[in-house]
Protein backbone atom coordinates (compact mmCIF):
# COMPACT_ATOMS: atom_id res chain seq x y z
CA MET A 1 -79.90 6.76 -17.25
CA LYS A 2 -83.51 6.11 -18.07
CA LEU A 3 -84.00 9.84 -18.65
CA LEU A 4 -82.62 9.68 -22.18
CA PHE A 5 -85.07 7.07 -23.40
CA LEU A 6 -88.24 8.87 -24.40
CA GLY A 7 -91.34 7.09 -25.56
CA THR A 8 -93.79 8.21 -28.19
CA TRP A 9 -96.12 9.94 -25.74
CA GLU A 10 -93.30 11.85 -24.08
CA ILE A 11 -92.09 13.16 -27.45
CA ILE A 12 -95.63 14.18 -28.43
CA ILE A 13 -96.07 16.05 -25.15
CA ILE A 14 -92.74 17.84 -25.55
CA VAL A 15 -93.59 18.87 -29.14
CA LEU A 16 -97.00 20.16 -28.05
CA ALA A 17 -95.44 22.13 -25.19
CA ILE A 18 -92.95 23.72 -27.60
CA LEU A 19 -95.79 24.59 -29.98
CA LEU A 20 -97.73 26.21 -27.16
CA LEU A 21 -94.73 28.15 -25.87
CA PHE A 22 -93.32 29.45 -29.14
CA GLY A 23 -96.16 29.20 -31.64
CA GLY A 24 -96.07 27.78 -35.15
CA LYS A 25 -94.41 30.79 -36.76
CA LYS A 26 -91.44 30.99 -34.39
CA ILE A 27 -90.37 27.34 -34.67
CA PRO A 28 -88.83 27.62 -38.18
CA GLU A 29 -86.81 30.62 -36.98
CA LEU A 30 -85.62 28.67 -33.95
CA MET A 31 -84.60 25.69 -36.08
CA LYS A 32 -82.77 27.97 -38.53
CA GLY A 33 -80.80 29.48 -35.66
CA LEU A 34 -80.07 26.05 -34.26
CA GLY A 35 -78.84 24.86 -37.66
CA LYS A 36 -76.53 27.86 -37.99
CA GLY A 37 -75.17 27.19 -34.52
CA VAL A 38 -74.44 23.54 -35.31
CA LYS A 39 -72.76 24.51 -38.59
CA SER A 40 -70.62 27.09 -36.81
CA PHE A 41 -69.65 24.50 -34.20
CA LYS A 42 -68.65 21.98 -36.89
CA ASP A 43 -66.60 24.63 -38.71
CA GLY A 44 -64.85 25.47 -35.45
CA VAL A 45 -64.06 21.83 -34.73
CA ASN A 46 -62.75 21.33 -38.27
CA GLY A 47 -60.61 24.46 -37.89
CA VAL A 48 -59.04 23.09 -34.72
CA ASP A 49 -58.33 19.78 -36.45
CA GLU A 50 -56.66 21.61 -39.35
CA VAL A 51 -54.50 23.66 -37.00
CA LYS A 52 -53.40 20.52 -35.13
CA SER A 53 -52.51 18.73 -38.36
CA GLU A 54 -50.50 21.75 -39.56
CA GLU A 55 -48.64 21.85 -36.24
CA THR A 56 -47.74 18.19 -36.44
CA LYS A 57 -46.55 18.60 -40.03
CA SER A 58 -44.33 21.53 -39.06
CA GLU A 59 -42.96 19.57 -36.08
CA THR A 60 -42.08 16.58 -38.25
CA LYS A 61 -40.34 18.89 -40.75
CA THR A 62 -38.36 20.48 -37.92
CA ASP A 63 -37.43 17.08 -36.49
CA ALA A 64 -36.29 15.83 -39.91
CA ASN A 65 -33.83 18.73 -40.29
């Protein structure tokens, strides 16, 4: 899995390629969209965790009766 270990030059080349492809003005928009996507994903994961905890609480209440 050597593919995941990027050196300094590889990162610089990737950043330059992104700058050339999208331009300096588009990058903030792309990062904003990426941030919103990550936030939405985290909210979704937290929502699933809350639903699971509510289900286990209701199951333990049912079992206790």
